[in-house]
Amino acid sequence: MLRIMIAVDGSEPSLDAVHHGVRLVRQGLQATLVLAHVQQEATLYELATQDPDLIAGASVAAGRHLMAPAVALVEAAGVRFETEVGLGEPAPTLVDIAERNGCDMIIIGALGQGGVRRALIGSVSREIARLSPVPVTIVKHPDPKDLQDVAEVEAEVAADEGVDERQ
């Protein structure tokens, strides 16, 4: 059975990635989903002034909290899944999680933005694609302008169909 890691951070693009993974399984792909989240490690100052175990525990708890919507979605779909929260830099830590869990592919969400924003956003997904030894699917989150364009086209088609039916 395939194992598919899905990077989850609580954002809409990451939920798009979860929807994509669920859709693949519902379409007949025999797979277990591994929902993975990475929290940044504590700073040197935080480690020097706080109990490191408390900080790590709080980070893992925060990660699980951010994963809750994705977990609920997968549970509602009745799809097999596991979860893992890691600590470190997002891209290399997610690739490590995928390798440790024997994942055959990675799915990650990305914002569907262009121009300068594309250069600033989506760097984690690009870095995962660069580092990963397994295939990576990047699920594009629709730009609100694209959704508006689609709605306008659908409205035009519906209007045209209404005209055709009357003729």
N, C-alpha and C. Protein backbone atom coordinates (compact mmCIF):
# COMPACT_ATOMS: atom_id res chain seq x y z
N MET A 1 0.84 -1.18 0.00
CA MET A 1 0.00 0.00 0.00
C MET A 1 0.89 1.24 0.00
N LEU A 2 0.51 2.23 -0.80
CA LEU A 2 1.26 3.48 -0.87
C LEU A 2 1.09 4.29 0.41
N ARG A 3 2.09 5.10 0.67
CA ARG A 3 2.04 6.04 1.78
C ARG A 3 2.30 7.43 1.20
N ILE A 4 1.37 8.35 1.49
CA ILE A 4 1.45 9.70 0.94
C ILE A 4 1.52 10.69 2.09
N MET A 5 2.63 11.44 2.14
CA MET A 5 2.74 12.47 3.15
C MET A 5 2.12 13.76 2.63
N ILE A 6 1.30 14.39 3.46
CA ILE A 6 0.70 15.68 3.12
C ILE A 6 1.16 16.69 4.16
N ALA A 7 1.81 17.75 3.68
CA ALA A 7 2.27 18.81 4.58
C ALA A 7 1.08 19.66 4.99
N VAL A 8 0.92 19.85 6.30
CA VAL A 8 -0.24 20.56 6.83
C VAL A 8 0.25 21.67 7.77
N ASP A 9 -0.27 22.89 7.54
CA ASP A 9 0.08 23.99 8.44
C ASP A 9 -1.13 24.78 8.90
N GLY A 10 -2.33 24.28 8.62
CA GLY A 10 -3.54 24.97 9.04
C GLY A 10 -4.06 25.97 8.02
N SER A 11 -3.31 26.22 6.96
CA SER A 11 -3.72 27.20 5.95
C SER A 11 -4.69 26.58 4.95
N GLU A 12 -5.38 27.44 4.20
CA GLU A 12 -6.27 26.96 3.14
C GLU A 12 -5.52 26.15 2.09
N PRO A 13 -4.33 26.61 1.64
CA PRO A 13 -3.61 25.80 0.66
C PRO A 13 -3.26 24.40 1.18
N SER A 14 -2.94 24.29 2.46
CA SER A 14 -2.62 22.95 2.97
C SER A 14 -3.89 22.09 3.04
N LEU A 15 -5.03 22.70 3.31
CA LEU A 15 -6.28 21.93 3.28
C LEU A 15 -6.64 21.52 1.85
N ASP A 16 -6.26 22.35 0.87
CA ASP A 16 -6.43 21.96 -0.54
C ASP A 16 -5.63 20.68 -0.81
N ALA A 17 -4.41 20.62 -0.26
CA ALA A 17 -3.57 19.44 -0.43
C ALA A 17 -4.22 18.22 0.21
N VAL A 18 -4.82 18.39 1.39
CA VAL A 18 -5.51 17.29 2.06
C VAL A 18 -6.70 16.83 1.22
N HIS A 19 -7.47 17.77 0.71
CA HIS A 19 -8.60 17.41 -0.17
C HIS A 19 -8.11 16.60 -1.36
N HIS A 20 -6.98 16.99 -1.94
CA HIS A 20 -6.42 16.29 -3.10
C HIS A 20 -6.05 14.85 -2.71
N GLY A 21 -5.40 14.69 -1.57
CA GLY A 21 -5.03 13.35 -1.11
C GLY A 21 -6.25 12.48 -0.86
N VAL A 22 -7.25 13.04 -0.22
CA VAL A 22 -8.50 12.31 0.04
C VAL A 22 -9.16 11.92 -1.27
N ARG A 23 -9.18 12.84 -2.23
CA ARG A 23 -9.78 12.56 -3.54
C ARG A 23 -9.07 11.39 -4.23
N LEU A 24 -7.74 11.34 -4.15
CA LEU A 24 -6.99 10.24 -4.75
C LEU A 24 -7.40 8.90 -4.14
N VAL A 25 -7.53 8.87 -2.83
CA VAL A 25 -7.91 7.63 -2.14
C VAL A 25 -9.35 7.26 -2.50
N ARG A 26 -10.24 8.23 -2.52
CA ARG A 26 -11.65 7.94 -2.87
C ARG A 26 -11.80 7.46 -4.31
N GLN A 27 -10.86 7.85 -5.17
CA GLN A 27 -10.90 7.41 -6.57
C GLN A 27 -10.27 6.03 -6.75
N GLY A 28 -9.86 5.42 -5.64
CA GLY A 28 -9.40 4.03 -5.71
C GLY A 28 -7.94 3.80 -5.40
N LEU A 29 -7.16 4.85 -5.19
CA LEU A 29 -5.76 4.66 -4.86
C LEU A 29 -5.66 4.05 -3.46
N GLN A 30 -5.00 2.94 -3.34
CA GLN A 30 -4.82 2.29 -2.05
C GLN A 30 -3.66 2.97 -1.34
N ALA A 31 -3.96 3.82 -0.37
CA ALA A 31 -2.90 4.59 0.29
C ALA A 31 -3.29 4.95 1.72
N THR A 32 -2.27 5.13 2.52
CA THR A 32 -2.40 5.70 3.85
C THR A 32 -1.81 7.10 3.79
N LEU A 33 -2.54 8.07 4.33
CA LEU A 33 -2.05 9.45 4.35
C LEU A 33 -1.27 9.69 5.63
N VAL A 34 -0.16 10.39 5.51
CA VAL A 34 0.64 10.79 6.67
C VAL A 34 0.57 12.31 6.71
N LEU A 35 -0.22 12.83 7.64
CA LEU A 35 -0.35 14.28 7.81
C LEU A 35 0.83 14.76 8.65
N ALA A 36 1.61 15.68 8.09
CA ALA A 36 2.83 16.12 8.77
C ALA A 36 2.86 17.63 8.92
N HIS A 37 3.33 18.06 10.07
CA HIS A 37 3.45 19.49 10.36
C HIS A 37 4.81 19.73 11.00
N VAL A 38 5.41 20.88 10.70
CA VAL A 38 6.70 21.23 11.30
C VAL A 38 6.59 22.57 12.02
N GLN A 39 7.05 22.57 13.24
CA GLN A 39 7.14 23.79 14.05
C GLN A 39 8.60 24.24 14.07
N GLN A 40 8.82 25.53 14.01
CA GLN A 40 10.18 26.05 14.14
C GLN A 40 10.73 25.69 15.51
N GLU A 41 12.01 25.37 15.58
CA GLU A 41 12.63 25.09 16.87
C GLU A 41 12.76 26.37 17.68
N ALA A 42 12.86 26.19 18.98
CA ALA A 42 12.99 27.34 19.88
C ALA A 42 14.30 28.08 19.62
N THR A 43 14.27 29.37 19.91
CA THR A 43 15.49 30.18 19.77
C THR A 43 16.43 29.87 20.92
N LEU A 44 17.68 30.26 20.77
CA LEU A 44 18.67 30.06 21.81
C LEU A 44 18.23 30.77 23.10
N TYR A 45 17.67 31.97 22.95
CA TYR A 45 17.19 32.72 24.12
C TYR A 45 16.09 31.94 24.84
N GLU A 46 15.14 31.41 24.07
CA GLU A 46 14.04 30.64 24.68
C GLU A 46 14.58 29.42 25.41
N LEU A 47 15.54 28.74 24.79
CA LEU A 47 16.11 27.55 25.42
C LEU A 47 16.88 27.89 26.69
N ALA A 48 17.51 29.07 26.70
CA ALA A 48 18.30 29.48 27.87
C ALA A 48 17.42 29.94 29.02
N THR A 49 16.21 30.42 28.73
CA THR A 49 15.37 30.98 29.78
C THR A 49 14.17 30.11 30.14
N GLN A 50 13.92 29.05 29.39
CA GLN A 50 12.77 28.19 29.64
C GLN A 50 13.22 26.73 29.66
N ASP A 51 12.38 25.88 30.21
CA ASP A 51 12.64 24.44 30.21
C ASP A 51 12.50 23.92 28.78
N PRO A 52 13.56 23.36 28.17
CA PRO A 52 13.51 22.88 26.79
C PRO A 52 12.40 21.84 26.55
N ASP A 53 12.15 20.99 27.54
CA ASP A 53 11.09 19.98 27.37
C ASP A 53 9.72 20.64 27.31
N LEU A 54 9.52 21.70 28.13
CA LEU A 54 8.25 22.44 28.08
C LEU A 54 8.06 23.11 26.73
N ILE A 55 9.14 23.71 26.22
CA ILE A 55 9.06 24.38 24.92
C ILE A 55 8.73 23.38 23.82
N ALA A 56 9.42 22.25 23.82
CA ALA A 56 9.17 21.22 22.80
C ALA A 56 7.74 20.70 22.90
N GLY A 57 7.28 20.47 24.12
CA GLY A 57 5.90 20.00 24.33
C GLY A 57 4.87 21.01 23.83
N ALA A 58 5.13 22.28 24.11
CA ALA A 58 4.21 23.33 23.66
C ALA A 58 4.22 23.42 22.13
N SER A 59 5.38 23.25 21.53
CA SER A 59 5.48 23.30 20.06
C SER A 59 4.71 22.16 19.42
N VAL A 60 4.85 20.97 19.98
CA VAL A 60 4.13 19.81 19.44
C VAL A 60 2.63 20.01 19.62
N ALA A 61 2.22 20.50 20.79
CA ALA A 61 0.78 20.75 21.03
C ALA A 61 0.24 21.80 20.05
N ALA A 62 1.01 22.85 19.79
CA ALA A 62 0.58 23.87 18.84
C ALA A 62 0.47 23.28 17.43
N GLY A 63 1.42 22.41 17.08
CA GLY A 63 1.37 21.75 15.78
C GLY A 63 0.15 20.87 15.63
N ARG A 64 -0.17 20.11 16.67
CA ARG A 64 -1.37 19.25 16.63
C ARG A 64 -2.64 20.10 16.49
N HIS A 65 -2.64 21.25 17.17
CA HIS A 65 -3.79 22.16 17.08
C HIS A 65 -3.96 22.66 15.64
N LEU A 66 -2.86 23.04 14.99
CA LEU A 66 -2.92 23.52 13.61
C LEU A 66 -3.35 22.42 12.64
N MET A 67 -3.09 21.17 13.01
CA MET A 67 -3.45 20.03 12.15
C MET A 67 -4.91 19.61 12.32
N ALA A 68 -5.58 20.09 13.35
CA ALA A 68 -6.93 19.62 13.67
C ALA A 68 -7.91 19.68 12.49
N PRO A 69 -7.97 20.78 11.72
CA PRO A 69 -8.92 20.79 10.60
C PRO A 69 -8.61 19.70 9.55
N ALA A 70 -7.33 19.46 9.29
CA ALA A 70 -6.95 18.42 8.33
C ALA A 70 -7.31 17.04 8.86
N VAL A 71 -7.06 16.81 10.15
CA VAL A 71 -7.40 15.53 10.76
C VAL A 71 -8.91 15.31 10.69
N ALA A 72 -9.69 16.34 10.99
CA ALA A 72 -11.15 16.22 10.94
C ALA A 72 -11.62 15.88 9.52
N LEU A 73 -11.01 16.52 8.54
CA LEU A 73 -11.38 16.27 7.14
C LEU A 73 -11.11 14.82 6.75
N VAL A 74 -9.94 14.32 7.09
CA VAL A 74 -9.57 12.94 6.74
C VAL A 74 -10.41 11.94 7.51
N GLU A 75 -10.66 12.21 8.79
CA GLU A 75 -11.52 11.31 9.57
C GLU A 75 -12.92 11.25 8.98
N ALA A 76 -13.47 12.40 8.61
CA ALA A 76 -14.82 12.45 8.03
C ALA A 76 -14.90 11.68 6.72
N ALA A 77 -13.78 11.64 5.99
CA ALA A 77 -13.74 10.92 4.72
C ALA A 77 -13.53 9.42 4.91
N GLY A 78 -13.18 9.02 6.13
CA GLY A 78 -12.96 7.61 6.41
C GLY A 78 -11.69 7.06 5.78
N VAL A 79 -10.69 7.91 5.61
CA VAL A 79 -9.43 7.52 4.98
C VAL A 79 -8.41 7.19 6.07
N ARG A 80 -7.61 6.14 5.84
CA ARG A 80 -6.56 5.76 6.79
C ARG A 80 -5.51 6.87 6.84
N PHE A 81 -5.06 7.20 8.06
CA PHE A 81 -4.05 8.25 8.17
C PHE A 81 -3.27 8.11 9.46
N GLU A 82 -2.13 8.77 9.47
CA GLU A 82 -1.27 8.91 10.64
C GLU A 82 -0.90 10.39 10.72
N THR A 83 -0.40 10.82 11.87
CA THR A 83 0.06 12.21 11.99
C THR A 83 1.46 12.22 12.57
N GLU A 84 2.19 13.27 12.23
CA GLU A 84 3.51 13.48 12.84
C GLU A 84 3.79 14.97 12.88
N VAL A 85 4.30 15.42 14.01
CA VAL A 85 4.73 16.81 14.16
C VAL A 85 6.24 16.78 14.37
N GLY A 86 6.95 17.56 13.55
CA GLY A 86 8.40 17.65 13.68
C GLY A 86 8.81 19.04 14.11
N LEU A 87 10.06 19.15 14.55
CA LEU A 87 10.63 20.44 14.94
C LEU A 87 11.84 20.72 14.07
N GLY A 88 11.91 21.92 13.50
CA GLY A 88 13.06 22.28 12.67
C GLY A 88 12.67 23.19 11.54
N GLU A 89 13.54 23.25 10.54
CA GLU A 89 13.26 24.02 9.33
C GLU A 89 12.22 23.24 8.52
N PRO A 90 11.19 23.90 8.00
CA PRO A 90 10.08 23.18 7.38
C PRO A 90 10.45 22.21 6.25
N ALA A 91 11.12 22.67 5.21
CA ALA A 91 11.35 21.80 4.04
C ALA A 91 12.19 20.57 4.37
N PRO A 92 13.39 20.72 4.93
CA PRO A 92 14.17 19.51 5.19
C PRO A 92 13.53 18.60 6.23
N THR A 93 12.84 19.17 7.20
CA THR A 93 12.20 18.35 8.22
C THR A 93 11.03 17.56 7.62
N LEU A 94 10.25 18.19 6.73
CA LEU A 94 9.16 17.46 6.07
C LEU A 94 9.70 16.34 5.19
N VAL A 95 10.79 16.59 4.49
CA VAL A 95 11.39 15.53 3.66
C VAL A 95 11.87 14.40 4.57
N ASP A 96 12.49 14.73 5.71
CA ASP A 96 12.92 13.70 6.66
C ASP A 96 11.73 12.87 7.16
N ILE A 97 10.62 13.54 7.47
CA ILE A 97 9.42 12.83 7.93
C ILE A 97 8.95 11.87 6.85
N ALA A 98 8.92 12.33 5.61
CA ALA A 98 8.49 11.47 4.49
C ALA A 98 9.40 10.25 4.38
N GLU A 99 10.70 10.45 4.48
CA GLU A 99 11.64 9.34 4.37
C GLU A 99 11.50 8.37 5.55
N ARG A 100 11.41 8.90 6.77
CA ARG A 100 11.26 8.05 7.97
C ARG A 100 10.00 7.20 7.93
N ASN A 101 8.94 7.77 7.33
CA ASN A 101 7.66 7.06 7.28
C ASN A 101 7.49 6.22 6.02
N GLY A 102 8.53 6.12 5.21
CA GLY A 102 8.46 5.31 4.00
C GLY A 102 7.44 5.80 2.99
N CYS A 103 7.29 7.12 2.89
CA CYS A 103 6.29 7.68 1.97
C CYS A 103 6.76 7.57 0.52
N ASP A 104 5.79 7.30 -0.34
CA ASP A 104 6.05 7.14 -1.77
C ASP A 104 5.87 8.44 -2.54
N MET A 105 5.22 9.41 -1.93
CA MET A 105 5.05 10.72 -2.55
C MET A 105 4.69 11.74 -1.48
N ILE A 106 4.82 13.01 -1.86
CA ILE A 106 4.49 14.13 -0.97
C ILE A 106 3.49 15.02 -1.70
N ILE A 107 2.49 15.49 -0.96
CA ILE A 107 1.56 16.48 -1.49
C ILE A 107 1.66 17.71 -0.59
N ILE A 108 1.79 18.87 -1.23
CA ILE A 108 1.87 20.11 -0.47
C ILE A 108 1.06 21.18 -1.19
N GLY A 109 0.42 22.04 -0.43
CA GLY A 109 -0.35 23.13 -1.02
C GLY A 109 0.53 24.34 -1.23
N ALA A 110 0.14 25.18 -2.19
CA ALA A 110 0.85 26.43 -2.45
C ALA A 110 -0.16 27.46 -2.90
N LEU A 111 0.13 28.71 -2.61
CA LEU A 111 -0.74 29.79 -3.05
C LEU A 111 -0.63 29.96 -4.56
N GLY A 112 -1.73 30.19 -5.21
CA GLY A 112 -1.74 30.39 -6.65
C GLY A 112 -1.54 31.84 -7.00
N GLN A 113 -0.39 32.39 -6.71
CA GLN A 113 -0.13 33.81 -6.95
C GLN A 113 0.99 33.94 -7.96
N GLY A 114 1.06 35.05 -8.62
CA GLY A 114 2.09 35.25 -9.63
C GLY A 114 3.03 36.37 -9.25
N GLY A 115 3.97 36.63 -10.14
CA GLY A 115 4.89 37.75 -10.01
C GLY A 115 5.77 37.68 -8.78
N VAL A 116 5.97 38.84 -8.17
CA VAL A 116 6.85 38.95 -7.01
C VAL A 116 6.35 38.10 -5.86
N ARG A 117 5.04 38.05 -5.66
CA ARG A 117 4.50 37.27 -4.55
C ARG A 117 4.85 35.80 -4.70
N ARG A 118 4.91 35.29 -5.96
CA ARG A 118 5.26 33.89 -6.18
C ARG A 118 6.69 33.64 -5.71
N ALA A 119 7.57 34.63 -5.89
CA ALA A 119 8.96 34.48 -5.48
C ALA A 119 9.07 34.43 -3.96
N LEU A 120 8.15 35.10 -3.26
CA LEU A 120 8.21 35.14 -1.80
C LEU A 120 7.40 34.04 -1.15
N ILE A 121 6.32 33.61 -1.80
CA ILE A 121 5.43 32.61 -1.24
C ILE A 121 5.63 31.30 -1.99
N GLY A 122 5.62 30.22 -1.28
CA GLY A 122 5.78 28.94 -1.96
C GLY A 122 7.21 28.45 -1.94
N SER A 123 8.07 29.15 -1.20
CA SER A 123 9.47 28.72 -1.16
C SER A 123 9.60 27.36 -0.49
N VAL A 124 8.75 27.05 0.48
CA VAL A 124 8.80 25.75 1.14
C VAL A 124 8.45 24.64 0.15
N SER A 125 7.40 24.84 -0.63
CA SER A 125 7.01 23.80 -1.59
C SER A 125 8.10 23.61 -2.64
N ARG A 126 8.70 24.69 -3.10
CA ARG A 126 9.79 24.55 -4.08
C ARG A 126 10.99 23.84 -3.46
N GLU A 127 11.31 24.15 -2.21
CA GLU A 127 12.45 23.52 -1.54
C GLU A 127 12.19 22.03 -1.31
N ILE A 128 10.96 21.68 -0.96
CA ILE A 128 10.62 20.26 -0.79
C ILE A 128 10.77 19.54 -2.12
N ALA A 129 10.29 20.14 -3.20
CA ALA A 129 10.43 19.51 -4.52
C ALA A 129 11.91 19.31 -4.86
N ARG A 130 12.75 20.24 -4.46
CA ARG A 130 14.19 20.13 -4.74
C ARG A 130 14.86 19.05 -3.89
N LEU A 131 14.48 18.95 -2.63
CA LEU A 131 15.14 18.02 -1.70
C LEU A 131 14.59 16.60 -1.73
N SER A 132 13.36 16.44 -2.12
CA SER A 132 12.68 15.16 -1.98
C SER A 132 13.19 14.08 -2.94
N PRO A 133 13.40 12.87 -2.41
CA PRO A 133 13.77 11.75 -3.28
C PRO A 133 12.54 11.09 -3.91
N VAL A 134 11.34 11.50 -3.48
CA VAL A 134 10.10 10.93 -4.02
C VAL A 134 9.34 12.02 -4.76
N PRO A 135 8.38 11.64 -5.63
CA PRO A 135 7.61 12.65 -6.36
C PRO A 135 6.86 13.59 -5.41
N VAL A 136 6.76 14.85 -5.84
CA VAL A 136 6.07 15.87 -5.06
C VAL A 136 4.96 16.47 -5.94
N THR A 137 3.75 16.49 -5.40
CA THR A 137 2.64 17.15 -6.07
C THR A 137 2.36 18.45 -5.33
N ILE A 138 2.41 19.56 -6.07
CA ILE A 138 2.10 20.86 -5.49
C ILE A 138 0.70 21.24 -5.94
N VAL A 139 -0.20 21.36 -4.97
CA VAL A 139 -1.60 21.69 -5.26
C VAL A 139 -1.75 23.20 -5.16
N LYS A 140 -2.10 23.80 -6.28
CA LYS A 140 -2.22 25.27 -6.35
C LYS A 140 -3.54 25.71 -5.74
N HIS A 141 -3.44 26.63 -4.80
CA HIS A 141 -4.63 27.25 -4.21
C HIS A 141 -5.09 28.34 -5.17
N PRO A 142 -6.35 28.35 -5.54
CA PRO A 142 -6.79 29.34 -6.53
C PRO A 142 -6.67 30.77 -6.04
N ASP A 143 -6.22 31.61 -6.92
CA ASP A 143 -6.18 33.05 -6.67
C ASP A 143 -7.63 33.54 -6.72
N PRO A 144 -8.07 34.39 -5.79
CA PRO A 144 -9.46 34.88 -5.82
C PRO A 144 -9.85 35.48 -7.17
N LYS A 145 -8.91 36.11 -7.87
CA LYS A 145 -9.21 36.67 -9.19
C LYS A 145 -9.55 35.54 -10.16
N ASP A 146 -8.81 34.41 -10.08
CA ASP A 146 -9.12 33.27 -10.95
C ASP A 146 -10.52 32.75 -10.68
N LEU A 147 -10.91 32.70 -9.40
CA LEU A 147 -12.25 32.22 -9.05
C LEU A 147 -13.31 33.16 -9.62
N GLN A 148 -13.05 34.47 -9.57
CA GLN A 148 -13.98 35.44 -10.13
C GLN A 148 -14.11 35.24 -11.64
N ASP A 149 -12.97 35.00 -12.32
CA ASP A 149 -12.98 34.77 -13.76
C ASP A 149 -13.81 33.53 -14.09
N VAL A 150 -13.65 32.45 -13.31
CA VAL A 150 -14.40 31.22 -13.53
C VAL A 150 -15.89 31.48 -13.32
N ALA A 151 -16.25 32.22 -12.28
CA ALA A 151 -17.65 32.53 -12.01
C ALA A 151 -18.26 33.33 -13.16
N GLU A 152 -17.50 34.26 -13.70
CA GLU A 152 -18.00 35.06 -14.82
C GLU A 152 -18.24 34.19 -16.06
N VAL A 153 -17.30 33.29 -16.35
CA VAL A 153 -17.45 32.39 -17.50
C VAL A 153 -18.65 31.48 -17.30
N GLU A 154 -18.81 30.93 -16.09
CA GLU A 154 -19.95 30.05 -15.82
C GLU A 154 -21.26 30.80 -15.98
N ALA A 155 -21.30 32.06 -15.53
CA ALA A 155 -22.51 32.87 -15.68
C ALA A 155 -22.82 33.11 -17.15
N GLU A 156 -21.79 33.39 -17.95
CA GLU A 156 -21.98 33.60 -19.39
C GLU A 156 -22.50 32.33 -20.07
N VAL A 157 -21.92 31.18 -19.69
CA VAL A 157 -22.36 29.90 -20.28
C VAL A 157 -23.81 29.64 -19.91
N ALA A 158 -24.15 29.87 -18.64
CA ALA A 158 -25.53 29.65 -18.20
C ALA A 158 -26.48 30.58 -18.94
N ALA A 159 -26.08 31.82 -19.15
CA ALA A 159 -26.92 32.77 -19.88
C ALA A 159 -27.09 32.34 -21.33
N ASP A 160 -25.99 31.87 -21.95
CA ASP A 160 -26.06 31.39 -23.33
C ASP A 160 -26.96 30.17 -23.46
N GLU A 161 -26.87 29.26 -22.46
CA GLU A 161 -27.72 28.06 -22.50
C GLU A 161 -29.18 28.45 -22.36
N GLY A 162 -29.46 29.45 -21.55
CA GLY A 162 -30.83 29.93 -21.40
C GLY A 162 -31.37 30.50 -22.69
N VAL A 163 -30.54 31.20 -23.45
CA VAL A 163 -30.94 31.76 -24.74
C VAL A 163 -31.18 30.64 -25.75
N ASP A 164 -30.27 29.65 -25.75
CA ASP A 164 -30.40 28.53 -26.70
C ASP A 164 -31.66 27.73 -26.46
N GLU A 165 -32.04 27.55 -25.19
CA GLU A 165 -33.22 26.74 -24.87
C GLU A 165 -34.51 27.41 -25.36
N ARG A 166 -34.53 28.72 -25.40
CA ARG A 166 -35.73 29.44 -25.81
C ARG A 166 -35.89 29.46 -27.33
N GLN A 167 -34.83 29.20 -28.06
CA GLN A 167 -34.91 29.30 -29.52
C GLN A 167 -35.54 28.10 -30.14
